Every structure is written in C-alpha cells, then in structure tokens.
Protein backbone atom coordinates (compact mmCIF):
# COMPACT_ATOMS: atom_id res chain seq x y z
CA MET A 1 -10.92 2.73 -16.18
CA ALA A 2 -8.74 5.85 -16.21
CA GLY A 3 -9.48 6.44 -19.89
CA VAL A 4 -13.22 5.96 -19.31
CA VAL A 5 -13.67 7.90 -16.13
CA SER A 6 -11.73 10.99 -17.23
CA ARG A 7 -13.36 11.47 -20.60
CA CYS A 8 -15.22 14.77 -20.14
CA ALA A 9 -14.48 15.55 -23.81
CA ILE A 10 -17.15 13.01 -24.82
CA GLY A 11 -19.75 14.82 -22.75
CA LEU A 12 -18.71 18.11 -24.35
CA LEU A 13 -19.07 16.50 -27.78
CA LEU A 14 -22.61 15.39 -26.96
CA TYR A 15 -23.40 18.78 -25.55
CA ALA A 16 -22.11 20.56 -28.65
CA ALA A 17 -24.05 18.22 -30.89
CA MET A 18 -27.38 18.23 -29.03
CA ALA A 19 -27.68 21.46 -27.05
CA SER A 20 -29.48 24.23 -28.86
CA ASN A 21 -28.02 27.39 -27.29
CA ALA A 22 -24.54 28.93 -27.57
CA TRP A 23 -22.66 30.05 -24.50
CA ALA A 24 -23.73 33.54 -23.58
CA ALA A 25 -21.00 34.68 -21.26
CA ASP A 26 -17.23 34.89 -21.43
CA GLU A 27 -17.00 32.99 -18.12
CA LEU A 28 -18.79 30.02 -19.65
CA LYS A 29 -16.57 30.08 -22.72
CA ARG A 30 -13.48 30.18 -20.54
CA ALA A 31 -14.80 27.33 -18.38
CA ALA A 32 -15.53 25.20 -21.46
CA ALA A 33 -12.03 25.86 -22.77
CA LEU A 34 -10.50 24.86 -19.42
CA LEU A 35 -12.51 21.62 -19.40
CA ALA A 36 -11.38 20.82 -22.94
CA GLU A 37 -7.77 21.31 -21.78
CA GLY A 38 -8.28 18.96 -18.83
CA LYS A 39 -8.16 21.78 -16.24
CA ALA A 40 -11.35 20.84 -14.41
CA LYS A 41 -10.37 22.29 -11.03
CA GLN A 42 -9.69 25.68 -12.57
CA ALA A 43 -13.03 25.56 -14.37
CA TYR A 44 -14.80 24.61 -11.14
CA THR A 45 -13.12 27.46 -9.26
CA LEU A 46 -14.21 29.88 -12.00
CA LEU A 47 -17.84 28.74 -12.04
CA THR A 48 -18.61 28.23 -8.35
CA PRO A 49 -18.89 31.94 -7.42
CA LEU A 50 -21.44 32.41 -10.24
CA GLU A 51 -23.87 29.73 -9.07
CA ALA A 52 -26.17 32.01 -7.06
CA GLU A 53 -26.65 34.18 -10.14
CA ARG A 54 -26.55 31.63 -12.97
CA ALA A 55 -28.15 28.49 -11.46
CA GLY A 56 -31.02 27.47 -13.69
CA ASP A 57 -29.19 28.35 -16.90
CA ASP A 58 -28.72 25.23 -19.03
CA GLU A 59 -25.20 25.99 -20.18
CA PHE A 60 -24.02 26.99 -16.71
CA ASP A 61 -25.49 23.97 -14.92
CA TYR A 62 -24.00 21.59 -17.45
CA LEU A 63 -20.51 23.06 -17.21
CA LEU A 64 -20.61 23.35 -13.40
CA GLY A 65 -21.74 19.73 -13.04
CA THR A 66 -19.05 18.48 -15.40
CA ALA A 67 -16.33 20.54 -13.74
CA ALA A 68 -17.34 19.29 -10.26
CA ILE A 69 -17.26 15.66 -11.38
CA ASP A 70 -13.85 16.00 -13.03
CA SER A 71 -12.57 17.77 -9.90
CA GLY A 72 -13.33 14.73 -7.76
CA GLN A 73 -16.69 15.96 -6.38
CA PRO A 74 -19.30 13.82 -8.17
CA ALA A 75 -21.98 14.32 -5.50
CA ARG A 76 -21.66 18.09 -5.93
CA GLY A 77 -21.90 17.69 -9.68
CA THR A 78 -25.19 15.80 -9.51
CA LEU A 79 -26.89 18.81 -7.86
CA ALA A 80 -26.18 21.07 -10.85
CA LEU A 81 -26.97 18.39 -13.42
CA GLU A 82 -30.26 17.50 -11.71
CA ARG A 83 -31.49 21.07 -12.22
CA LEU A 84 -30.75 20.79 -15.93
CA ILE A 85 -32.32 17.35 -16.35
CA GLN A 86 -35.52 18.48 -14.62
CA ARG A 87 -35.86 21.19 -17.27
CA ASP A 88 -34.68 19.06 -20.19
CA PRO A 89 -35.00 15.28 -19.53
CA ASN A 90 -33.52 14.48 -22.97
CA HIS A 91 -30.32 16.50 -22.53
CA ALA A 92 -27.86 13.78 -23.54
CA GLY A 93 -24.74 15.52 -22.30
CA ALA A 94 -26.18 16.07 -18.82
CA ARG A 95 -27.41 12.48 -18.58
CA LEU A 96 -24.00 11.14 -19.59
CA GLU A 97 -22.32 13.23 -16.91
CA MET A 98 -24.96 12.19 -14.37
CA GLY A 99 -24.31 8.53 -15.16
CA ARG A 100 -20.60 9.10 -14.80
CA ALA A 101 -21.14 10.79 -11.42
CA TYR A 102 -23.24 7.88 -10.15
CA PHE A 103 -20.55 5.46 -11.34
CA LEU A 104 -17.82 7.32 -9.43
CA MET A 105 -20.05 7.40 -6.33
CA GLY A 106 -20.52 3.63 -6.54
CA ASP A 107 -24.26 3.88 -7.29
CA ASP A 108 -24.24 1.34 -10.11
CA THR A 109 -28.04 0.98 -10.31
CA ARG A 110 -28.65 4.61 -11.19
CA ALA A 111 -25.52 4.81 -13.36
CA LYS A 112 -26.69 1.84 -15.44
CA ALA A 113 -30.15 3.37 -15.82
CA GLU A 114 -28.65 6.60 -17.21
CA PHE A 115 -26.36 4.81 -19.67
CA ASP A 116 -29.08 2.42 -20.85
CA ALA A 117 -31.42 5.36 -21.49
CA LEU A 118 -28.74 7.24 -23.41
CA LEU A 119 -28.02 4.29 -25.68
CA GLN A 120 -31.63 4.49 -26.85
CA LEU A 121 -31.00 8.04 -28.17
CA ASN A 122 -28.57 6.85 -30.89
CA PRO A 123 -25.52 8.79 -29.60
CA PRO A 124 -22.35 9.33 -31.70
CA PRO A 125 -20.07 6.26 -31.97
CA ILE A 126 -17.42 7.65 -29.57
CA ALA A 127 -20.06 8.32 -26.90
CA ARG A 128 -21.67 4.90 -27.47
CA GLN A 129 -18.26 3.24 -26.98
CA ALA A 130 -17.70 5.11 -23.70
CA MET A 131 -21.13 4.15 -22.36
CA THR A 132 -20.56 0.52 -23.33
CA GLN A 133 -17.26 0.57 -21.41
CA TYR A 134 -19.01 1.97 -18.35
CA LEU A 135 -21.68 -0.73 -18.52
CA GLN A 136 -19.00 -3.41 -18.79
CA ALA A 137 -17.19 -1.92 -15.80
CA ILE A 138 -20.43 -1.92 -13.80
CA GLU A 139 -21.02 -5.57 -14.63
CA GLN A 140 -17.47 -6.49 -13.60
CA ARG A 141 -17.75 -4.48 -10.39
CA ASN A 142 -21.04 -6.17 -9.49
CA ARG A 143 -19.45 -9.57 -10.01
CA SER A 144 -16.57 -8.61 -7.73
CA ARG A 145 -19.06 -7.66 -5.01
CA GLY A 146 -20.18 -11.25 -4.63
CA THR A 147 -18.43 -13.99 -2.67
CA GLN A 148 -14.75 -14.15 -3.58
CA TRP A 149 -12.17 -16.84 -2.88
CA SER A 150 -8.51 -17.21 -3.80
CA GLY A 151 -5.68 -19.45 -2.72
CA TYR A 152 -2.18 -20.65 -3.50
CA VAL A 153 0.29 -23.46 -2.89
CA SER A 154 4.03 -23.13 -3.36
CA ALA A 155 7.23 -25.04 -2.73
CA GLY A 156 10.90 -24.37 -3.30
CA LEU A 157 14.49 -24.49 -2.23
CA GLY A 158 17.22 -22.06 -1.35
CA HIS A 159 20.10 -21.05 0.85
CA ASP A 160 20.15 -18.98 4.05
CA THR A 161 23.47 -17.43 5.12
CA ASN A 162 22.35 -16.88 8.75
CA VAL A 163 19.57 -19.23 9.80
CA ASN A 164 19.57 -18.03 13.43
CA ALA A 165 19.99 -14.27 12.74
CA ALA A 166 23.08 -14.22 15.00
CA THR A 167 26.36 -12.35 15.10
CA ASP A 168 29.36 -13.71 13.24
CA LYS A 169 31.64 -12.77 16.15
CA THR A 170 32.99 -15.49 18.43
CA LYS A 171 33.61 -13.25 21.45
CA ILE A 172 31.98 -10.08 22.80
CA PHE A 173 33.37 -7.57 25.29
CA VAL A 174 31.10 -7.35 28.35
CA PRO A 175 31.79 -4.28 30.54
CA ILE A 176 30.35 -5.77 33.73
CA PHE A 177 32.86 -8.64 33.47
CA GLY A 178 35.70 -6.38 32.37
CA GLY A 179 36.59 -8.82 29.60
CA ASP A 180 35.45 -10.86 26.63
CA LEU A 181 32.61 -13.38 26.66
CA ILE A 182 33.24 -16.41 24.46
CA LEU A 183 30.02 -17.22 22.57
CA THR A 184 28.70 -20.75 22.30
CA ASP A 185 28.41 -22.41 18.93
CA THR A 186 24.62 -21.93 18.80
CA SER A 187 25.00 -18.18 19.50
CA THR A 188 26.96 -17.48 16.31
CA SER A 189 25.66 -17.34 12.74
CA LYS A 190 25.03 -20.55 10.82
CA SER A 191 24.38 -20.99 7.11
CA ASP A 192 22.48 -23.84 5.51
CA ASN A 193 20.52 -25.00 2.48
CA LEU A 194 16.78 -25.21 2.85
CA LEU A 195 13.50 -26.53 1.52
CA PHE A 196 10.18 -24.78 2.08
CA ALA A 197 6.48 -25.11 1.37
CA ALA A 198 3.50 -22.80 1.82
CA ALA A 199 -0.24 -22.65 1.25
CA GLY A 200 -2.81 -19.96 1.87
CA THR A 201 -6.31 -18.75 1.16
CA ASP A 202 -8.40 -15.57 1.34
CA PHE A 203 -12.19 -15.38 1.51
CA SER A 204 -14.58 -12.44 1.19
CA HIS A 205 -18.36 -12.49 1.47
CA PRO A 206 -20.89 -9.59 1.36
CA LEU A 207 -23.07 -9.28 4.46
CA THR A 208 -24.83 -6.14 3.20
CA GLU A 209 -24.26 -3.79 0.27
CA ASN A 210 -21.53 -1.94 2.19
CA VAL A 211 -20.23 -4.58 4.62
CA ARG A 212 -18.05 -7.57 3.72
CA LEU A 213 -16.81 -10.44 5.86
CA LEU A 214 -13.08 -11.15 5.42
CA ALA A 215 -11.13 -14.27 6.38
CA GLY A 216 -7.86 -15.91 5.47
CA ALA A 217 -5.06 -18.22 6.56
CA ASP A 218 -1.45 -19.04 5.63
CA LEU A 219 0.61 -22.11 6.52
CA ARG A 220 4.39 -22.09 5.96
CA TYR A 221 7.22 -24.48 6.76
CA ARG A 222 10.99 -24.10 6.31
CA HIS A 223 13.35 -27.05 6.75
CA TYR A 224 17.13 -26.67 7.10
CA HIS A 225 19.28 -29.59 5.98
CA HIS A 226 21.79 -29.52 8.83
CA GLN A 227 20.64 -26.87 11.31
CA HIS A 228 17.51 -28.78 12.29
CA ASP A 229 17.07 -26.86 15.54
CA PHE A 230 16.20 -23.77 13.51
CA SER A 231 13.66 -25.37 11.17
CA PHE A 232 10.28 -23.75 11.78
CA GLY A 233 6.65 -23.61 10.77
CA THR A 234 4.09 -20.81 11.05
CA LEU A 235 0.32 -20.68 10.98
CA ALA A 236 -1.48 -17.35 10.53
CA ALA A 237 -5.27 -17.05 10.71
CA ARG A 238 -7.11 -13.75 10.19
CA GLY A 239 -10.63 -12.38 10.05
CA GLY A 240 -12.49 -9.09 9.99
CA VAL A 241 -14.98 -6.85 8.24
CA ALA A 242 -14.71 -4.19 5.54
CA ILE A 243 -17.19 -1.33 5.74
CA GLY A 244 -17.85 1.03 2.83
CA SER A 245 -17.02 1.10 -0.86
CA ALA A 246 -13.73 0.08 -2.44
CA GLY A 247 -12.77 3.74 -2.77
CA ASN A 248 -13.54 4.69 0.84
CA GLN A 249 -13.34 1.77 3.21
CA LEU A 250 -12.85 1.05 6.91
CA ARG A 251 -11.44 -2.35 7.88
CA LEU A 252 -11.48 -3.94 11.32
CA GLY A 253 -9.63 -7.18 11.82
CA THR A 254 -7.67 -9.55 13.99
CA GLN A 255 -4.85 -12.00 13.28
CA LEU A 256 -3.42 -14.90 15.27
CA ASP A 257 0.10 -16.20 14.45
CA TYR A 258 1.71 -19.35 15.79
CA LEU A 259 5.40 -20.20 15.40
CA ARG A 260 6.82 -23.68 16.04
CA GLN A 261 10.58 -24.22 16.01
CA ASP A 262 12.48 -27.44 16.48
CA HIS A 263 9.11 -29.25 16.82
CA GLN A 264 8.12 -27.15 19.84
CA ALA A 265 5.68 -24.26 20.31
CA ASN A 266 7.81 -21.11 20.32
CA ARG A 267 5.74 -17.94 19.99
CA ARG A 268 2.15 -16.71 19.68
CA ASN A 269 1.18 -13.26 18.40
CA LEU A 270 -2.35 -11.85 18.59
CA ASN A 271 -3.02 -8.59 16.72
CA GLY A 272 -6.04 -6.32 16.35
CA THR A 273 -6.05 -3.79 13.49
CA ILE A 274 -8.06 -0.84 12.25
CA GLU A 275 -7.40 0.53 8.76
CA TRP A 276 -8.93 3.25 6.59
CA ARG A 277 -8.45 3.11 2.82
CA LYS A 278 -9.22 6.07 0.58
CA ALA A 279 -8.85 6.19 -3.21
CA LEU A 280 -7.46 9.37 -4.74
CA GLY A 281 -8.72 9.25 -8.31
CA ASP A 282 -8.15 6.17 -10.46
CA SER A 283 -4.48 5.54 -9.76
CA GLN A 284 -3.72 6.38 -6.12
CA GLN A 285 -4.77 5.21 -2.68
CA VAL A 286 -3.84 6.24 0.86
CA ASN A 287 -4.14 4.06 3.95
CA LEU A 288 -4.05 4.93 7.64
CA PHE A 289 -3.76 2.09 10.14
CA GLY A 290 -3.37 1.23 13.79
CA GLN A 291 -2.39 -2.11 15.31
CA PHE A 292 -2.26 -3.48 18.83
CA GLY A 293 -0.52 -6.79 19.38
CA GLN A 294 0.44 -9.25 22.09
CA ILE A 295 3.73 -11.14 21.70
CA ARG A 296 3.82 -14.22 23.90
CA TYR A 297 6.58 -16.84 24.04
CA GLN A 298 5.56 -20.38 24.82
CA ARG A 299 8.77 -21.71 26.36
CA PRO A 300 9.40 -20.63 29.98
CA GLU A 301 13.02 -19.65 29.30
CA TYR A 302 11.89 -17.15 26.61
CA ARG A 303 8.93 -15.56 28.41
CA ILE A 304 11.05 -12.71 29.66
CA ASN A 305 10.69 -11.36 26.06
CA ASP A 306 6.86 -11.15 26.23
CA ALA A 307 5.61 -7.72 25.15
CA ASN A 308 2.61 -5.68 24.05
CA GLN A 309 3.09 -3.74 20.83
CA THR A 310 1.27 -0.70 19.44
CA LEU A 311 1.87 0.59 15.89
CA LEU A 312 0.44 3.56 13.98
CA GLY A 313 1.19 4.35 10.36
CA GLY A 314 0.14 5.24 6.87
CA SER A 315 0.88 4.21 3.31
CA TRP A 316 0.51 5.46 -0.25
CA LEU A 317 -0.17 3.25 -3.26
CA GLY A 318 0.31 4.76 -6.70
CA LEU A 319 0.32 3.68 -10.34
CA ILE A 320 3.42 4.58 -12.33
CA LEU A 321 4.49 3.40 -15.78
CA PRO A 322 0.85 2.55 -16.72
CA ALA A 323 1.99 0.74 -19.85
CA HIS A 324 3.85 -1.75 -17.64
CA ASN A 325 1.41 -1.80 -14.68
CA GLY A 326 4.04 -0.17 -12.50
CA VAL A 327 2.93 0.16 -8.88
CA THR A 328 4.69 1.78 -5.92
CA LEU A 329 3.76 1.21 -2.26
CA ALA A 330 5.37 3.39 0.42
CA THR A 331 4.71 2.92 4.15
CA LEU A 332 5.74 4.86 7.25
CA PHE A 333 5.05 3.59 10.77
CA GLY A 334 6.00 4.09 14.39
CA GLY A 335 5.09 2.64 17.74
CA ARG A 336 6.09 1.20 21.07
CA GLU A 337 6.74 -2.25 22.46
CA ARG A 338 6.08 -2.53 26.21
CA ALA A 339 7.91 -5.34 27.98
CA ARG A 340 5.69 -7.40 30.31
CA GLU A 341 8.52 -9.00 32.23
CA ASP A 342 11.86 -7.67 33.38
CA ARG A 343 13.42 -7.70 29.91
CA ALA A 344 17.07 -6.63 30.07
CA ASP A 345 16.57 -3.78 27.58
CA GLY A 346 13.09 -2.71 28.77
CA ASP A 347 10.51 -1.07 26.51
CA LYS A 348 11.23 -0.28 22.87
CA ARG A 349 10.31 2.71 20.70
CA MET A 350 10.14 2.02 16.96
CA LEU A 351 10.14 4.02 13.74
CA GLY A 352 10.29 2.51 10.28
CA ALA A 353 9.62 2.87 6.57
CA ARG A 354 9.22 0.52 3.64
CA ALA A 355 8.90 0.92 -0.11
CA THR A 356 8.04 -1.66 -2.77
CA TRP A 357 8.09 -1.15 -6.51
CA GLN A 358 6.60 -3.64 -8.97
CA PHE A 359 6.18 -3.53 -12.73
CA ASN A 360 5.80 -5.83 -15.74
CA PRO A 361 8.88 -5.72 -18.01
CA ILE A 362 7.34 -8.54 -20.05
CA ASP A 363 3.74 -9.69 -20.48
CA ASP A 364 4.27 -12.87 -18.45
CA GLY A 365 6.48 -11.52 -15.70
CA GLU A 366 6.53 -9.11 -12.76
CA LEU A 367 9.72 -7.65 -11.34
CA TRP A 368 9.64 -6.34 -7.77
CA VAL A 369 12.11 -4.45 -5.61
CA SER A 370 11.64 -3.70 -1.91
CA ALA A 371 13.59 -1.81 0.71
CA GLY A 372 12.95 -1.29 4.41
CA TRP A 373 14.40 0.54 7.37
CA GLN A 374 13.53 0.30 11.06
CA GLN A 375 15.16 1.71 14.13
CA GLY A 376 14.56 0.65 17.70
CA HIS A 377 15.47 2.58 20.84
CA TYR A 378 15.24 0.70 24.13
CA CYS A 379 14.34 2.56 27.31
CA GLN A 380 16.29 0.67 29.96
CA GLU A 381 20.01 0.38 30.45
CA ASN A 382 21.24 -3.15 29.87
CA PHE A 383 23.17 -3.94 33.05
CA LEU A 384 25.57 -6.36 31.31
CA PHE A 385 26.68 -3.80 28.71
CA ALA A 386 26.10 -0.61 30.77
CA THR A 387 24.23 1.13 27.97
CA ARG A 388 20.80 1.52 26.39
CA ARG A 389 20.41 -0.56 23.27
CA HIS A 390 19.90 1.10 19.87
CA ASP A 391 19.27 -0.98 16.72
CA ARG A 392 18.92 -0.10 13.06
CA LEU A 393 17.59 -2.84 10.77
CA THR A 394 17.75 -2.43 6.99
CA ASP A 395 16.72 -4.85 4.26
CA ILE A 396 16.49 -4.98 0.50
CA GLY A 397 14.84 -7.55 -1.74
CA LEU A 398 14.68 -8.37 -5.44
CA GLY A 399 12.47 -10.92 -7.13
CA PHE A 400 10.74 -11.95 -10.34
CA ASN A 401 7.37 -13.69 -10.75
CA TRP A 402 7.40 -15.47 -14.11
CA ARG A 403 4.09 -16.99 -15.22
CA ILE A 404 5.15 -20.20 -16.93
CA GLY A 405 1.70 -21.42 -17.94
CA GLY A 406 -1.85 -21.12 -16.68
CA ALA A 407 -1.89 -20.44 -12.96
CA TRP A 408 1.70 -21.62 -12.45
CA SER A 409 4.60 -19.26 -11.80
CA LEU A 410 8.32 -19.52 -11.13
CA ARG A 411 9.59 -17.14 -8.42
CA PRO A 412 13.31 -16.52 -7.83
CA ALA A 413 14.10 -14.00 -5.07
CA ILE A 414 17.01 -12.57 -3.06
CA ASN A 415 16.57 -10.83 0.31
CA HIS A 416 19.36 -9.25 2.32
CA SER A 417 19.04 -7.79 5.82
CA ARG A 418 21.46 -6.23 8.26
CA ASN A 419 20.99 -5.20 11.88
CA ARG A 420 23.38 -2.61 13.33
CA SER A 421 23.46 -2.20 17.10
CA ASN A 422 25.51 -0.45 19.76
CA ILE A 423 25.56 -3.81 21.57
CA ALA A 424 27.68 -6.06 19.37
CA ILE A 425 25.92 -9.32 20.22
CA ASN A 426 22.77 -8.03 18.46
CA GLU A 427 24.50 -7.25 15.15
CA TYR A 428 24.07 -9.58 12.19
CA ARG A 429 23.88 -9.91 8.41
CA ARG A 430 21.63 -12.32 6.55
CA THR A 431 20.99 -13.15 2.89
CA ASP A 432 18.24 -15.46 1.69
CA TYR A 433 18.27 -16.99 -1.83
CA THR A 434 15.09 -18.83 -2.83
CA LEU A 435 13.46 -20.34 -5.89
CA ALA A 436 9.77 -21.27 -5.65
CA VAL A 437 7.10 -22.77 -7.88
CA GLN A 438 3.59 -21.49 -7.10
CA HIS A 439 0.08 -22.35 -8.25
CA ASP A 440 -2.68 -19.79 -7.72
CA PHE A 441 -6.40 -20.57 -7.39
CA ARG A 442 -9.13 -18.03 -8.15
C-alpha cells in the first residue's frame, strides 16, 4: 500500500481540477510546491503557524490537512479538512484526503463512505484507480480482522557436529585440585546424523473491534541415529490477547515449554510477556517487550540449575529492497537470570543482539541470513575454578525456502554457533546442517 497511501499528488490533481480559487499567498504556493516534491513535513511546519490567521480559508485548510496526513498525523489533518468540507461538501480533493486519513487511522467504515461518495462524482481516471485500490485494501483488511488460522507440518534430515553442546577437550585444568580433570565420554562433544519432524498452528479470533484472542502450539522431535541419549522432543503452547490496531498494538501473553530428552521429562519453562508494536509509516515497525520466565528442571540431579529470568528489549523491522520483499529485523535485549538453588556460578546478567535479513532473489524462493550475539556474566565465583564465569555466545545461520509447488517448500539450512568462556569446560562449537520439506496450511 506504500504507493496508495503516499499519493498526495492525486489529491492535488483533484484540487487543481475542481477547486475554483487560485492560491492567494506566497506561503500557500510554497506549501503546495513542497507537497508536490514529497516534502510534507516541511509544508506542515510552514503552514502550522498560520492556522490561527488563515483557518477557514479553503486553500489553506486543504493544504494543511494534506500536509498533516502526509507527515504521519492523520487525526490532525481531519480537523482542517472537516472545516473545508462543512463549507463545501462537494470538494473532491478534501474528501479524498479525508478518506485517506480515515484509512490510515484504521476507521474503514468512514474511509469507505468517503471513497464511495467520490466515485459518484466521476473523478479523473488516476484518482478513480487510487480510490479503487483503497477500497480493495479496506476489503482485504476487513477479511483479515476475522478469525484466522494457519499451520504447518515438516520433516527432514541432517547432521549435528555437537549434539550435546559440549567441549571438544578431553581434560580440563581445575585450580582447586591443582591438576587436570579427565572428562568422561558423555562430557565431550559428539556428532551424529539426525532425523526430525515438526508441526505447529496459530489461531487468532476477534473478541471486539480492537481486541483479539491469540493461541498457538508447536511440537518438535529430533532423533539422533547413535547418540540416543540426546534425542529430544519439545512442546510449546502459547496464548494471549492483542489490544489495538495493527499499527499500534499491545500484546499480553504466556507460553509454556516442555522438553523431554532420552524419553524422560527434562525441563519446563513458563514465560509471561508484554509487547508493544508501533508501525512507523508503511515499511517500518518498532517493538518494545518485557518477559518474565521460570526455568524448572524436572530431574532431581539438574534442579540446582533452576532459575527465574527477566528480559527487556526492543526490535526494529524494516522493508529494504522493495522489489525483492527484502526485510530486516534487528533486536537488542538484556536481563538477569536469578538462580533459585545454590548454582555454582550464581546469578547471571545477560546482554544480546540479533539481526535477520530475508529477501526474495527469485519469485519462488526466500533467502535468509541471521546472526546473533549474547554475553553472560555470572555473579558468583565458581569454587572449582576460582573465578567468575563469563560467556560469549555467537551464532550465524543461512537458509533458503524454495516453494516447490502449492503449499510445499524445500528448506535447506546451516547454523553455526560458538560459545567462548573463561572456564574451558563451557566452551564449544556446533554446526547444524538440515534439509526439510514443509507444508503450510492457511
């Protein structure tokens, strides 16, 4: 909709064709020129100080309303345009801008009424095309506001160079012993081939005009051919509500994750989240989020690692390379993990960042690249190693989603991660090669 929403030149064309008076002041001529050049904010800045004196003048109210809308203030623009429409109900340019303002504000009922009325006035072909596009967008948006459901199933194979995310060293120097500790076979890295399967669904249902119920679930299983002890399955169930419009929305939710490994319950995570999403124009969005989670291990021997985790962060989503649907997502977050038991390393402070870039090099395929960084600083000296633990985890991924027909896609991917630590037993490298076939339901 970027081409539709930003088309103030069409309104100016209608205005020039149907308004009867010429601009009477140099300020108005300069403002009109700025709007024609796409410099709406400059035009708005020029016109705003004149409102007390010029409000009620047809030319001024039209230009001020248009400049406000194109500057990202549609509600402000409707005030100026309403004055003009009260004086001249058939002013086509003002009604087009009013319809556009309602559309940007999410008031589809009034936007549709304005566009339908304008179509009855036999507007120029370029204006008629724009109004038709708006009406189509309103119809599509109304459809999307109903109950929505999507799902997927996938399966594949691959190879994991470090199934247990362990060090490749066979012995570690331990200061408290004054010598080397020989690691057991299960404490060193293992590689293996794998098979995996996954399925998931997302559901959304409107409770009121501005409140939606959200729910979803994902089920995943990974089987290693030889390292059976590290085969695992996960179940994630989530629910929440979204309050507000798509361009300005508050989300409250919760998620419960279960992990089973070697046919035994291993870990349960319960998270509560709050997120605010705000659109910046047609091609950008910012998110702010907070998350509180409980990490609970199910086996007695692992419960010393139980912790409560708090995260705060923000992200930016932007459209680049529009011709190829290029999208960039950048996230920054930080937080704290508070140990519930006497964990050897104590509490943990975290700071991290992640970026993902995706675009369509071909019509039937999406290429994505991701990179992440996270550092963790522990607050308690580890008595075995006589130091406080510091970790730095980095990862990079590359993949391609190739639509091979209908809702089917072929998905090769490579992911590499590395954890650096001042305590050698926590260092590792891991590379995951996978090839999946996926079917999407909508």
